[in-house]
All heavy atoms as atom14 arrays in JSON, in Angstrom:
{
  "sequence": "QVCSVSAGIGTVGGSDVTDVTVDCADAYTIGGTVSG",
  "atom14_mask": [
    [1, 1, 1, 1, 1, 1, 1, 1, 1, 0, 0, 0, 0, 0],
    [1, 1, 1, 1, 1, 1, 1, 0, 0, 0, 0, 0, 0, 0],
    [1, 1, 1, 1, 1, 1, 0, 0, 0, 0, 0, 0, 0, 0],
    [1, 1, 1, 1, 1, 1, 0, 0, 0, 0, 0, 0, 0, 0],
    [1, 1, 1, 1, 1, 1, 1, 0, 0, 0, 0, 0, 0, 0],
    [1, 1, 1, 1, 1, 1, 0, 0, 0, 0, 0, 0, 0, 0],
    [1, 1, 1, 1, 1, 0, 0, 0, 0, 0, 0, 0, 0, 0],
    [1, 1, 1, 1, 0, 0, 0, 0, 0, 0, 0, 0, 0, 0],
    [1, 1, 1, 1, 1, 1, 1, 1, 0, 0, 0, 0, 0, 0],
    [1, 1, 1, 1, 0, 0, 0, 0, 0, 0, 0, 0, 0, 0],
    [1, 1, 1, 1, 1, 1, 1, 0, 0, 0, 0, 0, 0, 0],
    [1, 1, 1, 1, 1, 1, 1, 0, 0, 0, 0, 0, 0, 0],
    [1, 1, 1, 1, 0, 0, 0, 0, 0, 0, 0, 0, 0, 0],
    [1, 1, 1, 1, 0, 0, 0, 0, 0, 0, 0, 0, 0, 0],
    [1, 1, 1, 1, 1, 1, 0, 0, 0, 0, 0, 0, 0, 0],
    [1, 1, 1, 1, 1, 1, 1, 1, 0, 0, 0, 0, 0, 0],
    [1, 1, 1, 1, 1, 1, 1, 0, 0, 0, 0, 0, 0, 0],
    [1, 1, 1, 1, 1, 1, 1, 0, 0, 0, 0, 0, 0, 0],
    [1, 1, 1, 1, 1, 1, 1, 1, 0, 0, 0, 0, 0, 0],
    [1, 1, 1, 1, 1, 1, 1, 0, 0, 0, 0, 0, 0, 0],
    [1, 1, 1, 1, 1, 1, 1, 0, 0, 0, 0, 0, 0, 0],
    [1, 1, 1, 1, 1, 1, 1, 0, 0, 0, 0, 0, 0, 0],
    [1, 1, 1, 1, 1, 1, 1, 1, 0, 0, 0, 0, 0, 0],
    [1, 1, 1, 1, 1, 1, 0, 0, 0, 0, 0, 0, 0, 0],
    [1, 1, 1, 1, 1, 0, 0, 0, 0, 0, 0, 0, 0, 0],
    [1, 1, 1, 1, 1, 1, 1, 1, 0, 0, 0, 0, 0, 0],
    [1, 1, 1, 1, 1, 0, 0, 0, 0, 0, 0, 0, 0, 0],
    [1, 1, 1, 1, 1, 1, 1, 1, 1, 1, 1, 1, 0, 0],
    [1, 1, 1, 1, 1, 1, 1, 0, 0, 0, 0, 0, 0, 0],
    [1, 1, 1, 1, 1, 1, 1, 1, 0, 0, 0, 0, 0, 0],
    [1, 1, 1, 1, 0, 0, 0, 0, 0, 0, 0, 0, 0, 0],
    [1, 1, 1, 1, 0, 0, 0, 0, 0, 0, 0, 0, 0, 0],
    [1, 1, 1, 1, 1, 1, 1, 0, 0, 0, 0, 0, 0, 0],
    [1, 1, 1, 1, 1, 1, 1, 0, 0, 0, 0, 0, 0, 0],
    [1, 1, 1, 1, 1, 1, 0, 0, 0, 0, 0, 0, 0, 0],
    [1, 1, 1, 1, 0, 0, 0, 0, 0, 0, 0, 0, 0, 0]
  ],
  "atom14_positions": [
    [[126.74, 85.14, 138.83], [127.75, 85.62, 137.78], [126.89, 86.08, 136.51], [125.81, 85.72, 136.32], [128.71, 84.45, 137.35], [129.76, 84.16, 138.37], [130.82, 83.33, 137.84], [130.55, 82.18, 137.41], [132.04, 83.9, 137.69], [0.0, 0.0, 0.0], [0.0, 0.0, 0.0], [0.0, 0.0, 0.0], [0.0, 0.0, 0.0], [0.0, 0.0, 0.0]],
    [[127.65, 86.79, 135.74], [127.18, 87.26, 134.46], [128.16, 86.86, 133.21], [129.35, 87.16, 133.41], [126.77, 88.71, 134.32], [126.48, 89.11, 132.86], [125.75, 89.13, 135.15], [0.0, 0.0, 0.0], [0.0, 0.0, 0.0], [0.0, 0.0, 0.0], [0.0, 0.0, 0.0], [0.0, 0.0, 0.0], [0.0, 0.0, 0.0], [0.0, 0.0, 0.0]],
    [[127.69, 86.1, 132.4], [128.55, 85.68, 131.28], [128.23, 86.43, 129.96], [126.99, 86.52, 129.54], [128.39, 84.19, 131.03], [128.95, 83.15, 132.44], [0.0, 0.0, 0.0], [0.0, 0.0, 0.0], [0.0, 0.0, 0.0], [0.0, 0.0, 0.0], [0.0, 0.0, 0.0], [0.0, 0.0, 0.0], [0.0, 0.0, 0.0], [0.0, 0.0, 0.0]],
    [[129.17, 86.89, 129.26], [128.91, 87.61, 127.97], [129.67, 86.86, 126.85], [130.71, 86.24, 126.98], [129.35, 88.97, 128.1], [130.75, 89.18, 128.31], [0.0, 0.0, 0.0], [0.0, 0.0, 0.0], [0.0, 0.0, 0.0], [0.0, 0.0, 0.0], [0.0, 0.0, 0.0], [0.0, 0.0, 0.0], [0.0, 0.0, 0.0], [0.0, 0.0, 0.0]],
    [[129.03, 86.93, 125.58], [129.58, 86.18, 124.45], [130.16, 87.11, 123.39], [129.67, 88.22, 123.16], [128.42, 85.48, 123.79], [128.88, 84.72, 122.48], [127.77, 84.49, 124.69], [0.0, 0.0, 0.0], [0.0, 0.0, 0.0], [0.0, 0.0, 0.0], [0.0, 0.0, 0.0], [0.0, 0.0, 0.0], [0.0, 0.0, 0.0], [0.0, 0.0, 0.0]],
    [[131.42, 86.79, 123.03], [132.02, 87.52, 121.92], [132.19, 86.66, 120.75], [132.48, 85.4, 120.89], [133.4, 88.06, 122.47], [133.24, 88.9, 123.54], [0.0, 0.0, 0.0], [0.0, 0.0, 0.0], [0.0, 0.0, 0.0], [0.0, 0.0, 0.0], [0.0, 0.0, 0.0], [0.0, 0.0, 0.0], [0.0, 0.0, 0.0], [0.0, 0.0, 0.0]],
    [[132.2, 87.22, 119.49], [132.36, 86.43, 118.26], [131.34, 85.38, 118.16], [131.64, 84.27, 117.66], [133.83, 86.01, 118.18], [0.0, 0.0, 0.0], [0.0, 0.0, 0.0], [0.0, 0.0, 0.0], [0.0, 0.0, 0.0], [0.0, 0.0, 0.0], [0.0, 0.0, 0.0], [0.0, 0.0, 0.0], [0.0, 0.0, 0.0], [0.0, 0.0, 0.0]],
    [[130.26, 85.62, 118.7], [129.13, 84.62, 118.72], [128.25, 84.57, 117.46], [127.42, 83.69, 117.35], [0.0, 0.0, 0.0], [0.0, 0.0, 0.0], [0.0, 0.0, 0.0], [0.0, 0.0, 0.0], [0.0, 0.0, 0.0], [0.0, 0.0, 0.0], [0.0, 0.0, 0.0], [0.0, 0.0, 0.0], [0.0, 0.0, 0.0], [0.0, 0.0, 0.0]],
    [[128.45, 85.54, 116.61], [127.55, 85.46, 115.38], [128.46, 85.46, 114.21], [129.51, 86.2, 113.98], [126.76, 86.8, 115.35], [125.7, 86.82, 116.69], [125.87, 86.93, 114.14], [124.93, 88.15, 116.71], [0.0, 0.0, 0.0], [0.0, 0.0, 0.0], [0.0, 0.0, 0.0], [0.0, 0.0, 0.0], [0.0, 0.0, 0.0], [0.0, 0.0, 0.0]],
    [[128.14, 84.61, 113.26], [128.87, 84.6, 111.95], [128.25, 83.52, 111.02], [127.19, 83.09, 111.21], [0.0, 0.0, 0.0], [0.0, 0.0, 0.0], [0.0, 0.0, 0.0], [0.0, 0.0, 0.0], [0.0, 0.0, 0.0], [0.0, 0.0, 0.0], [0.0, 0.0, 0.0], [0.0, 0.0, 0.0], [0.0, 0.0, 0.0], [0.0, 0.0, 0.0]],
    [[129.07, 83.17, 110.1], [128.61, 82.14, 109.06], [129.8, 81.04, 108.88], [130.91, 81.46, 108.84], [128.51, 82.86, 107.74], [127.43, 83.81, 107.79], [127.97, 81.79, 106.64], [0.0, 0.0, 0.0], [0.0, 0.0, 0.0], [0.0, 0.0, 0.0], [0.0, 0.0, 0.0], [0.0, 0.0, 0.0], [0.0, 0.0, 0.0], [0.0, 0.0, 0.0]],
    [[129.37, 79.84, 108.89], [130.35, 78.82, 108.74], [131.05, 78.86, 107.36], [130.3, 79.07, 106.32], [129.67, 77.36, 108.86], [130.63, 76.19, 108.62], [129.04, 77.29, 110.3], [0.0, 0.0, 0.0], [0.0, 0.0, 0.0], [0.0, 0.0, 0.0], [0.0, 0.0, 0.0], [0.0, 0.0, 0.0], [0.0, 0.0, 0.0], [0.0, 0.0, 0.0]],
    [[132.39, 78.75, 107.43], [133.1, 78.92, 106.18], [133.92, 77.87, 105.85], [135.16, 77.91, 105.58], [0.0, 0.0, 0.0], [0.0, 0.0, 0.0], [0.0, 0.0, 0.0], [0.0, 0.0, 0.0], [0.0, 0.0, 0.0], [0.0, 0.0, 0.0], [0.0, 0.0, 0.0], [0.0, 0.0, 0.0], [0.0, 0.0, 0.0], [0.0, 0.0, 0.0]],
    [[133.42, 76.63, 105.81], [134.16, 75.44, 105.31], [135.04, 74.77, 106.33], [135.97, 74.04, 106.06], [0.0, 0.0, 0.0], [0.0, 0.0, 0.0], [0.0, 0.0, 0.0], [0.0, 0.0, 0.0], [0.0, 0.0, 0.0], [0.0, 0.0, 0.0], [0.0, 0.0, 0.0], [0.0, 0.0, 0.0], [0.0, 0.0, 0.0], [0.0, 0.0, 0.0]],
    [[134.85, 75.13, 107.72], [135.61, 74.54, 108.75], [134.84, 74.79, 110.11], [133.92, 75.55, 110.11], [137.04, 75.16, 108.88], [136.93, 76.48, 109.16], [0.0, 0.0, 0.0], [0.0, 0.0, 0.0], [0.0, 0.0, 0.0], [0.0, 0.0, 0.0], [0.0, 0.0, 0.0], [0.0, 0.0, 0.0], [0.0, 0.0, 0.0], [0.0, 0.0, 0.0]],
    [[135.24, 74.0, 111.11], [134.55, 74.14, 112.43], [134.84, 75.52, 113.01], [135.95, 76.07, 112.73], [135.17, 73.05, 113.34], [134.8, 71.72, 113.0], [133.76, 71.45, 112.3], [135.51, 70.7, 113.4], [0.0, 0.0, 0.0], [0.0, 0.0, 0.0], [0.0, 0.0, 0.0], [0.0, 0.0, 0.0], [0.0, 0.0, 0.0], [0.0, 0.0, 0.0]],
    [[133.87, 76.06, 113.71], [133.92, 77.31, 114.33], [134.49, 77.07, 115.77], [133.9, 76.3, 116.49], [132.53, 78.02, 114.32], [132.67, 79.29, 115.18], [132.11, 78.38, 112.96], [0.0, 0.0, 0.0], [0.0, 0.0, 0.0], [0.0, 0.0, 0.0], [0.0, 0.0, 0.0], [0.0, 0.0, 0.0], [0.0, 0.0, 0.0], [0.0, 0.0, 0.0]],
    [[135.54, 77.68, 116.09], [136.24, 77.42, 117.43], [136.56, 78.61, 118.11], [137.22, 78.66, 119.16], [137.54, 76.58, 117.2], [138.45, 77.3, 116.38], [137.22, 75.27, 116.55], [0.0, 0.0, 0.0], [0.0, 0.0, 0.0], [0.0, 0.0, 0.0], [0.0, 0.0, 0.0], [0.0, 0.0, 0.0], [0.0, 0.0, 0.0], [0.0, 0.0, 0.0]],
    [[136.19, 79.92, 117.62], [136.72, 81.12, 118.19], [135.61, 81.86, 119.0], [135.75, 82.99, 119.25], [137.27, 81.95, 117.14], [136.16, 82.33, 116.11], [135.07, 81.74, 115.94], [136.48, 83.22, 115.23], [0.0, 0.0, 0.0], [0.0, 0.0, 0.0], [0.0, 0.0, 0.0], [0.0, 0.0, 0.0], [0.0, 0.0, 0.0], [0.0, 0.0, 0.0]],
    [[134.41, 81.26, 119.28], [133.42, 81.92, 120.22], [134.0, 81.98, 121.6], [134.48, 80.94, 122.15], [132.11, 81.24, 120.11], [131.11, 81.89, 121.05], [131.6, 81.06, 118.78], [0.0, 0.0, 0.0], [0.0, 0.0, 0.0], [0.0, 0.0, 0.0], [0.0, 0.0, 0.0], [0.0, 0.0, 0.0], [0.0, 0.0, 0.0], [0.0, 0.0, 0.0]],
    [[133.91, 83.16, 122.23], [134.46, 83.27, 123.58], [133.32, 83.7, 124.6], [132.38, 84.5, 124.24], [135.57, 84.32, 123.77], [135.07, 85.61, 123.26], [136.64, 83.86, 122.84], [0.0, 0.0, 0.0], [0.0, 0.0, 0.0], [0.0, 0.0, 0.0], [0.0, 0.0, 0.0], [0.0, 0.0, 0.0], [0.0, 0.0, 0.0], [0.0, 0.0, 0.0]],
    [[133.24, 83.0, 125.72], [132.31, 83.31, 126.66], [133.06, 83.61, 127.95], [133.73, 82.87, 128.6], [131.26, 82.09, 127.02], [130.36, 82.42, 128.07], [130.64, 81.65, 125.69], [0.0, 0.0, 0.0], [0.0, 0.0, 0.0], [0.0, 0.0, 0.0], [0.0, 0.0, 0.0], [0.0, 0.0, 0.0], [0.0, 0.0, 0.0], [0.0, 0.0, 0.0]],
    [[132.91, 84.88, 128.42], [133.61, 85.38, 129.55], [132.6, 85.61, 130.79], [131.62, 86.29, 130.56], [134.27, 86.78, 129.22], [135.37, 86.7, 128.19], [136.11, 85.69, 128.23], [135.36, 87.35, 127.23], [0.0, 0.0, 0.0], [0.0, 0.0, 0.0], [0.0, 0.0, 0.0], [0.0, 0.0, 0.0], [0.0, 0.0, 0.0], [0.0, 0.0, 0.0]],
    [[132.95, 85.03, 131.85], [132.03, 85.14, 133.03], [132.7, 85.96, 134.07], [133.97, 85.82, 134.28], [131.67, 83.7, 133.52], [130.9, 82.7, 132.26], [0.0, 0.0, 0.0], [0.0, 0.0, 0.0], [0.0, 0.0, 0.0], [0.0, 0.0, 0.0], [0.0, 0.0, 0.0], [0.0, 0.0, 0.0], [0.0, 0.0, 0.0], [0.0, 0.0, 0.0]],
    [[131.88, 86.73, 134.86], [132.37, 87.42, 135.97], [131.42, 87.46, 137.1], [130.11, 87.2, 136.77], [132.78, 88.85, 135.47], [0.0, 0.0, 0.0], [0.0, 0.0, 0.0], [0.0, 0.0, 0.0], [0.0, 0.0, 0.0], [0.0, 0.0, 0.0], [0.0, 0.0, 0.0], [0.0, 0.0, 0.0], [0.0, 0.0, 0.0], [0.0, 0.0, 0.0]],
    [[131.9, 87.63, 138.34], [130.92, 87.81, 139.41], [129.96, 88.96, 139.11], [130.43, 89.96, 138.63], [131.64, 88.01, 140.7], [132.43, 86.7, 141.11], [132.09, 85.65, 140.59], [133.43, 86.87, 141.93], [0.0, 0.0, 0.0], [0.0, 0.0, 0.0], [0.0, 0.0, 0.0], [0.0, 0.0, 0.0], [0.0, 0.0, 0.0], [0.0, 0.0, 0.0]],
    [[128.69, 88.82, 139.66], [127.73, 89.86, 139.34], [127.07, 90.19, 140.66], [126.95, 89.46, 141.61], [126.7, 89.28, 138.37], [0.0, 0.0, 0.0], [0.0, 0.0, 0.0], [0.0, 0.0, 0.0], [0.0, 0.0, 0.0], [0.0, 0.0, 0.0], [0.0, 0.0, 0.0], [0.0, 0.0, 0.0], [0.0, 0.0, 0.0], [0.0, 0.0, 0.0]],
    [[126.55, 91.44, 140.66], [125.88, 91.95, 141.78], [124.55, 92.64, 141.47], [124.47, 93.25, 140.3], [126.82, 92.99, 142.53], [128.21, 92.28, 143.0], [129.19, 92.31, 142.21], [128.23, 91.61, 144.22], [130.4, 91.74, 142.57], [129.31, 90.93, 144.64], [130.47, 90.96, 143.78], [131.55, 90.4, 144.2], [0.0, 0.0, 0.0], [0.0, 0.0, 0.0]],
    [[123.66, 92.59, 142.25], [122.32, 93.3, 142.05], [122.51, 94.71, 142.33], [123.3, 95.2, 143.08], [121.27, 92.78, 142.93], [121.56, 92.85, 144.25], [121.07, 91.22, 142.62], [0.0, 0.0, 0.0], [0.0, 0.0, 0.0], [0.0, 0.0, 0.0], [0.0, 0.0, 0.0], [0.0, 0.0, 0.0], [0.0, 0.0, 0.0], [0.0, 0.0, 0.0]],
    [[121.63, 95.6, 141.57], [121.52, 97.03, 141.69], [120.25, 97.31, 142.29], [119.18, 96.88, 141.78], [121.73, 97.6, 140.27], [122.99, 97.16, 139.65], [121.68, 99.07, 140.5], [124.34, 97.53, 140.42], [0.0, 0.0, 0.0], [0.0, 0.0, 0.0], [0.0, 0.0, 0.0], [0.0, 0.0, 0.0], [0.0, 0.0, 0.0], [0.0, 0.0, 0.0]],
    [[120.23, 98.14, 143.31], [118.89, 98.47, 143.88], [119.02, 99.61, 144.85], [120.1, 100.32, 144.9], [0.0, 0.0, 0.0], [0.0, 0.0, 0.0], [0.0, 0.0, 0.0], [0.0, 0.0, 0.0], [0.0, 0.0, 0.0], [0.0, 0.0, 0.0], [0.0, 0.0, 0.0], [0.0, 0.0, 0.0], [0.0, 0.0, 0.0], [0.0, 0.0, 0.0]],
    [[117.88, 99.85, 145.57], [117.94, 100.97, 146.51], [116.59, 101.1, 147.18], [115.89, 100.17, 147.4], [0.0, 0.0, 0.0], [0.0, 0.0, 0.0], [0.0, 0.0, 0.0], [0.0, 0.0, 0.0], [0.0, 0.0, 0.0], [0.0, 0.0, 0.0], [0.0, 0.0, 0.0], [0.0, 0.0, 0.0], [0.0, 0.0, 0.0], [0.0, 0.0, 0.0]],
    [[116.13, 102.38, 147.4], [114.87, 102.63, 148.07], [114.15, 103.76, 147.46], [114.71, 104.76, 146.91], [115.18, 103.04, 149.5], [116.02, 102.03, 150.18], [113.91, 103.19, 150.35], [0.0, 0.0, 0.0], [0.0, 0.0, 0.0], [0.0, 0.0, 0.0], [0.0, 0.0, 0.0], [0.0, 0.0, 0.0], [0.0, 0.0, 0.0], [0.0, 0.0, 0.0]],
    [[112.91, 103.57, 147.35], [111.96, 104.58, 146.83], [111.16, 105.24, 148.02], [110.61, 104.57, 148.88], [110.98, 104.01, 145.76], [109.91, 105.11, 145.33], [111.7, 103.52, 144.54], [0.0, 0.0, 0.0], [0.0, 0.0, 0.0], [0.0, 0.0, 0.0], [0.0, 0.0, 0.0], [0.0, 0.0, 0.0], [0.0, 0.0, 0.0], [0.0, 0.0, 0.0]],
    [[111.09, 106.58, 148.0], [110.22, 107.23, 149.0], [109.45, 108.45, 148.39], [109.89, 108.97, 147.32], [111.16, 107.77, 150.17], [112.06, 108.8, 149.68], [0.0, 0.0, 0.0], [0.0, 0.0, 0.0], [0.0, 0.0, 0.0], [0.0, 0.0, 0.0], [0.0, 0.0, 0.0], [0.0, 0.0, 0.0], [0.0, 0.0, 0.0], [0.0, 0.0, 0.0]],
    [[108.29, 108.7, 149.07], [107.48, 109.81, 148.59], [106.67, 109.48, 147.35], [106.16, 110.44, 146.64], [0.0, 0.0, 0.0], [0.0, 0.0, 0.0], [0.0, 0.0, 0.0], [0.0, 0.0, 0.0], [0.0, 0.0, 0.0], [0.0, 0.0, 0.0], [0.0, 0.0, 0.0], [0.0, 0.0, 0.0], [0.0, 0.0, 0.0], [0.0, 0.0, 0.0]]
  ]
}
């Protein structure tokens, strides 16, 4: 899988930070063949 972070950067503003989201999805490799 590959997980990506949203709203992961900011500054604490007098309360707990609770809005960071981490979304994960199935992942696949990318490849092929080289010739010549």
